[in-house]
């Protein structure tokens, strides 16, 4: 398993627990992070889906 695959797996695990943290680690703490934070605060599932999209693209 390559290091890149291990990093993605770790980010997916973090995304399940705290989606905004995973997005912040992957994309930085900018607009994408704020969007995910808002989605996560309003509803957990949209925040999780958005985090997985950001991590896996």
C-alpha atoms as a PDB file:
ATOM      1  CA  UNK A   1       0.000   0.000   0.000  1.00  0.00           C
ATOM      2  CA  UNK A   2       1.557   3.282  -1.058  1.00  0.00           C
ATOM      3  CA  UNK A   3       1.930   6.280   1.200  1.00  0.00           C
ATOM      4  CA  UNK A   4      -0.654   8.196  -0.850  1.00  0.00           C
ATOM      5  CA  UNK A   5      -3.238   5.451  -0.278  1.00  0.00           C
ATOM      6  CA  UNK A   6      -2.460   5.440   3.433  1.00  0.00           C
ATOM      7  CA  UNK A   7      -2.939   9.211   3.637  1.00  0.00           C
ATOM      8  CA  UNK A   8      -6.308   8.981   1.858  1.00  0.00           C
ATOM      9  CA  UNK A   9      -7.424   6.166   4.147  1.00  0.00           C
ATOM     10  CA  UNK A  10      -6.456   8.179   7.216  1.00  0.00           C
ATOM     11  CA  UNK A  11      -8.286  11.246   5.881  1.00  0.00           C
ATOM     12  CA  UNK A  12     -11.424   9.168   5.218  1.00  0.00           C
ATOM     13  CA  UNK A  13     -11.348   7.893   8.799  1.00  0.00           C
ATOM     14  CA  UNK A  14     -10.920  11.445  10.095  1.00  0.00           C
ATOM     15  CA  UNK A  15     -13.761  12.586   7.803  1.00  0.00           C
ATOM     16  CA  UNK A  16     -16.117  10.070   9.378  1.00  0.00           C
ATOM     17  CA  UNK A  17     -15.334  11.448  12.830  1.00  0.00           C
ATOM     18  CA  UNK A  18     -14.822  15.170  12.094  1.00  0.00           C
ATOM     19  CA  UNK A  19     -15.462  16.146   8.477  1.00  0.00           C
ATOM     20  CA  UNK A  20     -14.259  19.781   8.760  1.00  0.00           C
ATOM     21  CA  UNK A  21     -10.903  18.680  10.146  1.00  0.00           C
ATOM     22  CA  UNK A  22     -10.333  16.308   7.237  1.00  0.00           C
ATOM     23  CA  UNK A  23     -11.240  19.020   4.708  1.00  0.00           C
ATOM     24  CA  UNK A  24      -8.956  21.485   6.464  1.00  0.00           C
ATOM     25  CA  UNK A  25      -6.048  19.051   6.355  1.00  0.00           C
ATOM     26  CA  UNK A  26      -6.633  18.226   2.686  1.00  0.00           C
ATOM     27  CA  UNK A  27      -7.641  21.563   1.124  1.00  0.00           C
ATOM     28  CA  UNK A  28      -6.459  24.114   3.655  1.00  0.00           C
ATOM     29  CA  UNK A  29      -8.478  26.289   5.977  1.00  0.00           C
ATOM     30  CA  UNK A  30     -10.119  28.492   3.335  1.00  0.00           C
ATOM     31  CA  UNK A  31     -13.487  28.636   1.653  1.00  0.00           C
ATOM     32  CA  UNK A  32     -13.871  24.879   1.249  1.00  0.00           C
ATOM     33  CA  UNK A  33     -13.298  24.428   4.976  1.00  0.00           C
ATOM     34  CA  UNK A  34     -15.870  27.100   5.866  1.00  0.00           C
ATOM     35  CA  UNK A  35     -18.439  25.540   3.526  1.00  0.00           C
ATOM     36  CA  UNK A  36     -17.879  22.137   5.079  1.00  0.00           C
ATOM     37  CA  UNK A  37     -18.066  23.564   8.585  1.00  0.00           C
ATOM     38  CA  UNK A  38     -21.447  25.157   7.807  1.00  0.00           C
ATOM     39  CA  UNK A  39     -22.754  21.923   6.266  1.00  0.00           C
ATOM     40  CA  UNK A  40     -21.481  19.939   9.248  1.00  0.00           C
ATOM     41  CA  UNK A  41     -23.054  22.292  11.804  1.00  0.00           C
ATOM     42  CA  UNK A  42     -26.421  22.278  10.046  1.00  0.00           C
ATOM     43  CA  UNK A  43     -26.515  18.571   9.199  1.00  0.00           C
ATOM     44  CA  UNK A  44     -23.870  15.891   9.703  1.00  0.00           C
ATOM     45  CA  UNK A  45     -24.492  13.850   6.530  1.00  0.00           C
ATOM     46  CA  UNK A  46     -24.030  16.680   3.963  1.00  0.00           C
ATOM     47  CA  UNK A  47     -20.810  17.663   5.716  1.00  0.00           C
ATOM     48  CA  UNK A  48     -19.595  14.084   5.551  1.00  0.00           C
ATOM     49  CA  UNK A  49     -20.491  13.728   1.860  1.00  0.00           C
ATOM     50  CA  UNK A  50     -18.774  17.014   1.017  1.00  0.00           C
ATOM     51  CA  UNK A  51     -15.664  15.945   2.943  1.00  0.00           C
ATOM     52  CA  UNK A  52     -15.492  12.634   1.094  1.00  0.00           C
ATOM     53  CA  UNK A  53     -15.863  14.411  -2.249  1.00  0.00           C
ATOM     54  CA  UNK A  54     -13.014  16.793  -1.388  1.00  0.00           C
ATOM     55  CA  UNK A  55     -10.757  14.003  -0.134  1.00  0.00           C
ATOM     56  CA  UNK A  56     -11.373  11.504  -2.942  1.00  0.00           C
ATOM     57  CA  UNK A  57     -11.207  13.849  -5.942  1.00  0.00           C
END
